[in-house]
């Protein structure tokens, strides 16, 4: 899997474009800037958008090629992000560090998902927010993006269980018309969640 992502991100073009995810943008634009964590951030499109709006951004991905392109994107936009090479399973941070954690298409096997999500909750400050957009299980077989493995796709029930200790502000399954580079393109079934730590 590491080789798959490294190959995808080594291309000179940005696999998912350079504009932020629409749901991420919508959420960021409504919140007061603070400290933000973006796990599995890829080539930096969301990190750079947030940094330009005054957020202190920490991001990571396990692809060195993705990190290199994210830092280039930030440099080209005359802004700064902190970006390390790491995995969803191994990244750690002090408790109560972040005002917002953004999970944008951060898919993982169900065997890892709940434990990763629990650790991320611990990184949030009290009253901090967690937002997520990911492909729903109904996305399976569609060509508009996402893992072609049901175990790595999400359902509303899964996420409400994973984040049950948070105050759920939004949890919807919906269809969107993705226009995010070459690999997220067309009608897609996604789940969107916004929650706040009590």
Protein backbone atom coordinates (compact mmCIF):
# COMPACT_ATOMS: atom_id res chain seq x y z
CA UNK A 1 0.00 0.00 0.00
CA UNK A 2 2.86 2.40 0.77
CA UNK A 3 4.27 1.79 -2.72
CA UNK A 4 0.84 2.48 -4.25
CA UNK A 5 0.61 5.94 -2.64
CA UNK A 6 4.24 6.81 -3.27
CA UNK A 7 3.77 6.04 -6.98
CA UNK A 8 0.58 8.12 -7.13
CA UNK A 9 2.14 11.12 -5.39
CA UNK A 10 5.41 11.07 -7.36
CA UNK A 11 3.60 12.42 -10.41
CA UNK A 12 4.20 16.11 -11.11
CA UNK A 13 0.44 16.74 -11.10
CA UNK A 14 -1.58 16.90 -7.89
CA UNK A 15 -3.62 13.70 -7.68
CA UNK A 16 -6.57 15.35 -5.90
CA UNK A 17 -6.00 18.89 -7.09
CA UNK A 18 -4.78 21.90 -5.13
CA UNK A 19 -8.13 23.29 -3.97
CA UNK A 20 -9.51 22.28 -0.56
CA UNK A 21 -12.24 19.71 -0.09
CA UNK A 22 -15.58 21.57 -0.16
CA UNK A 23 -16.85 20.26 3.19
CA UNK A 24 -13.51 21.02 4.82
CA UNK A 25 -13.59 24.57 3.40
CA UNK A 26 -17.16 25.05 4.60
CA UNK A 27 -16.22 24.03 8.15
CA UNK A 28 -12.93 25.96 8.28
CA UNK A 29 -14.59 29.14 7.06
CA UNK A 30 -17.02 29.08 10.03
CA UNK A 31 -14.49 28.45 12.81
CA UNK A 32 -12.11 30.74 14.66
CA UNK A 33 -8.52 29.80 13.68
CA UNK A 34 -6.55 27.71 16.17
CA UNK A 35 -4.36 24.62 15.99
CA UNK A 36 -5.33 22.04 13.38
CA UNK A 37 -4.29 18.44 12.78
CA UNK A 38 -4.71 16.86 9.33
CA UNK A 39 -3.97 13.11 9.34
CA UNK A 40 -3.38 11.40 5.98
CA UNK A 41 -3.18 14.85 4.38
CA UNK A 42 -1.66 13.77 1.08
CA UNK A 43 -0.36 16.64 -1.06
CA UNK A 44 -1.43 19.46 1.24
CA UNK A 45 -4.46 21.05 -0.40
CA UNK A 46 -6.45 21.34 2.83
CA UNK A 47 -3.44 22.21 4.99
CA UNK A 48 -2.46 25.13 2.78
CA UNK A 49 -6.00 26.48 2.63
CA UNK A 50 -6.24 26.43 6.42
CA UNK A 51 -2.81 27.98 6.93
CA UNK A 52 -3.72 30.87 4.64
CA UNK A 53 -6.70 31.53 6.93
CA UNK A 54 -4.60 31.77 10.04
CA UNK A 55 -4.61 28.19 11.34
CA UNK A 56 -1.46 26.64 12.83
CA UNK A 57 -1.38 23.42 10.83
CA UNK A 58 0.18 20.07 11.71
CA UNK A 59 -0.18 17.42 9.02
CA UNK A 60 1.15 13.98 8.22
CA UNK A 61 1.05 11.22 5.65
CA UNK A 62 3.16 8.12 5.17
CA UNK A 63 4.29 9.16 1.69
CA UNK A 64 7.52 11.18 1.48
CA UNK A 65 6.48 12.24 -2.04
CA UNK A 66 3.21 13.65 -0.66
CA UNK A 67 5.08 15.58 2.03
CA UNK A 68 7.45 17.07 -0.54
CA UNK A 69 4.58 18.27 -2.73
CA UNK A 70 2.63 19.62 0.26
CA UNK A 71 5.61 21.73 1.34
CA UNK A 72 6.05 22.94 -2.24
CA UNK A 73 2.38 23.91 -2.37
CA UNK A 74 2.71 25.81 0.92
CA UNK A 75 5.86 27.57 -0.28
CA UNK A 76 4.19 28.58 -3.52
CA UNK A 77 1.33 30.07 -1.51
CA UNK A 78 3.77 31.91 0.80
CA UNK A 79 2.56 30.11 3.90
CA UNK A 80 3.91 27.54 6.34
CA UNK A 81 2.69 24.13 7.54
CA UNK A 82 4.29 21.55 9.81
CA UNK A 83 4.26 18.22 7.97
CA UNK A 84 5.81 14.91 8.99
CA UNK A 85 5.95 11.44 7.48
CA UNK A 86 3.93 9.09 9.70
CA UNK A 87 0.99 6.70 9.73
CA UNK A 88 -2.50 6.87 11.18
CA UNK A 89 -1.59 3.99 13.46
CA UNK A 90 1.68 5.46 14.79
CA UNK A 91 1.21 9.22 14.95
CA UNK A 92 1.00 10.58 18.48
CA UNK A 93 0.54 13.97 20.13
CA UNK A 94 0.00 15.27 23.65
CA UNK A 95 -3.57 15.12 24.97
CA UNK A 96 -5.71 18.24 24.52
CA UNK A 97 -3.53 19.75 21.78
CA UNK A 98 -5.84 20.56 18.86
CA UNK A 99 -8.80 22.87 18.30
CA UNK A 100 -9.76 20.92 15.17
CA UNK A 101 -8.90 17.59 13.58
CA UNK A 102 -9.85 17.14 9.93
CA UNK A 103 -10.15 13.64 8.49
CA UNK A 104 -10.58 13.99 4.74
CA UNK A 105 -10.74 10.59 3.01
CA UNK A 106 -8.54 9.03 5.70
CA UNK A 107 -9.57 5.44 5.07
CA UNK A 108 -8.20 2.50 7.02
CA UNK A 109 -9.13 -1.13 7.74
CA UNK A 110 -11.91 -1.63 10.27
CA UNK A 111 -9.44 -3.48 12.52
CA UNK A 112 -7.56 -0.17 12.99
CA UNK A 113 -10.34 2.37 12.60
CA UNK A 114 -11.86 2.51 16.07
CA UNK A 115 -8.51 2.59 17.89
CA UNK A 116 -7.20 5.36 15.60
CA UNK A 117 -10.34 7.41 16.08
CA UNK A 118 -10.15 7.03 19.87
CA UNK A 119 -6.56 8.26 19.89
CA UNK A 120 -7.48 11.24 17.75
CA UNK A 121 -10.24 12.19 20.20
CA UNK A 122 -7.64 12.30 22.98
CA UNK A 123 -5.61 14.85 20.97
CA UNK A 124 -8.57 17.27 20.87
CA UNK A 125 -8.90 20.09 23.37
CA UNK A 126 -12.16 20.27 25.34
CA UNK A 127 -14.70 21.94 23.03
CA UNK A 128 -12.43 21.09 20.07
CA UNK A 129 -13.99 19.92 16.82
CA UNK A 130 -13.55 16.82 14.69
CA UNK A 131 -14.69 16.87 11.09
CA UNK A 132 -14.69 14.01 8.62
CA UNK A 133 -15.57 13.33 5.02
CA UNK A 134 -15.07 9.83 3.67
CA UNK A 135 -16.53 7.40 1.19
CA UNK A 136 -19.60 5.50 2.32
CA UNK A 137 -19.99 1.75 1.87
CA UNK A 138 -22.43 2.51 -0.97
CA UNK A 139 -19.48 3.94 -2.91
CA UNK A 140 -18.24 0.41 -3.62
CA UNK A 141 -18.10 -0.19 -7.38
CA UNK A 142 -18.26 3.48 -8.33
CA UNK A 143 -15.45 4.92 -10.44
CA UNK A 144 -15.42 8.36 -8.79
CA UNK A 145 -12.86 7.40 -6.15
CA UNK A 146 -12.18 5.52 -2.95
CA UNK A 147 -11.03 2.06 -1.85
CA UNK A 148 -12.66 -0.82 -3.68
CA UNK A 149 -12.82 -2.75 -0.43
CA UNK A 150 -15.96 -2.59 1.71
CA UNK A 151 -13.94 -3.03 4.89
CA UNK A 152 -12.23 0.33 4.29
CA UNK A 153 -15.45 2.22 3.56
CA UNK A 154 -17.59 3.79 6.29
CA UNK A 155 -21.19 3.91 7.43
CA UNK A 156 -23.02 6.39 9.62
CA UNK A 157 -23.51 3.68 12.25
CA UNK A 158 -19.75 2.97 12.37
CA UNK A 159 -18.87 6.60 12.91
CA UNK A 160 -21.59 7.36 15.43
CA UNK A 161 -20.25 4.45 17.46
CA UNK A 162 -16.60 5.49 17.08
CA UNK A 163 -17.33 9.07 18.15
CA UNK A 164 -20.18 8.45 20.62
CA UNK A 165 -18.37 10.35 23.40
CA UNK A 166 -18.46 13.52 21.29
CA UNK A 167 -21.38 15.87 20.73
CA UNK A 168 -22.52 15.06 17.19
CA UNK A 169 -23.38 18.25 15.30
CA UNK A 170 -23.75 16.70 11.84
CA UNK A 171 -23.75 13.13 10.54
CA UNK A 172 -25.11 12.70 7.05
CA UNK A 173 -24.85 10.22 4.22
CA UNK A 174 -25.12 12.05 0.94
CA UNK A 175 -24.23 12.11 -2.75
CA UNK A 176 -21.80 14.74 -3.99
CA UNK A 177 -20.36 15.63 -7.36
CA UNK A 178 -16.62 15.41 -6.76
CA UNK A 179 -14.23 17.55 -8.78
CA UNK A 180 -10.98 16.88 -6.92
CA UNK A 181 -8.22 16.17 -9.41
CA UNK A 182 -7.95 13.02 -11.48
CA UNK A 183 -8.91 10.50 -8.81
CA UNK A 184 -11.98 12.01 -7.12
CA UNK A 185 -14.19 12.80 -10.06
CA UNK A 186 -17.93 12.30 -10.52
CA UNK A 187 -20.96 11.37 -8.45
CA UNK A 188 -19.95 9.78 -5.16
CA UNK A 189 -21.62 8.53 -1.98
CA UNK A 190 -19.94 10.05 1.08
CA UNK A 191 -20.46 10.48 4.78
CA UNK A 192 -19.90 13.82 6.48
CA UNK A 193 -19.50 14.25 10.20
CA UNK A 194 -18.92 17.25 12.46
CA UNK A 195 -18.56 16.71 16.20
CA UNK A 196 -17.35 18.54 19.28
CA UNK A 197 -15.49 17.24 22.32
CA UNK A 198 -17.48 17.72 25.51
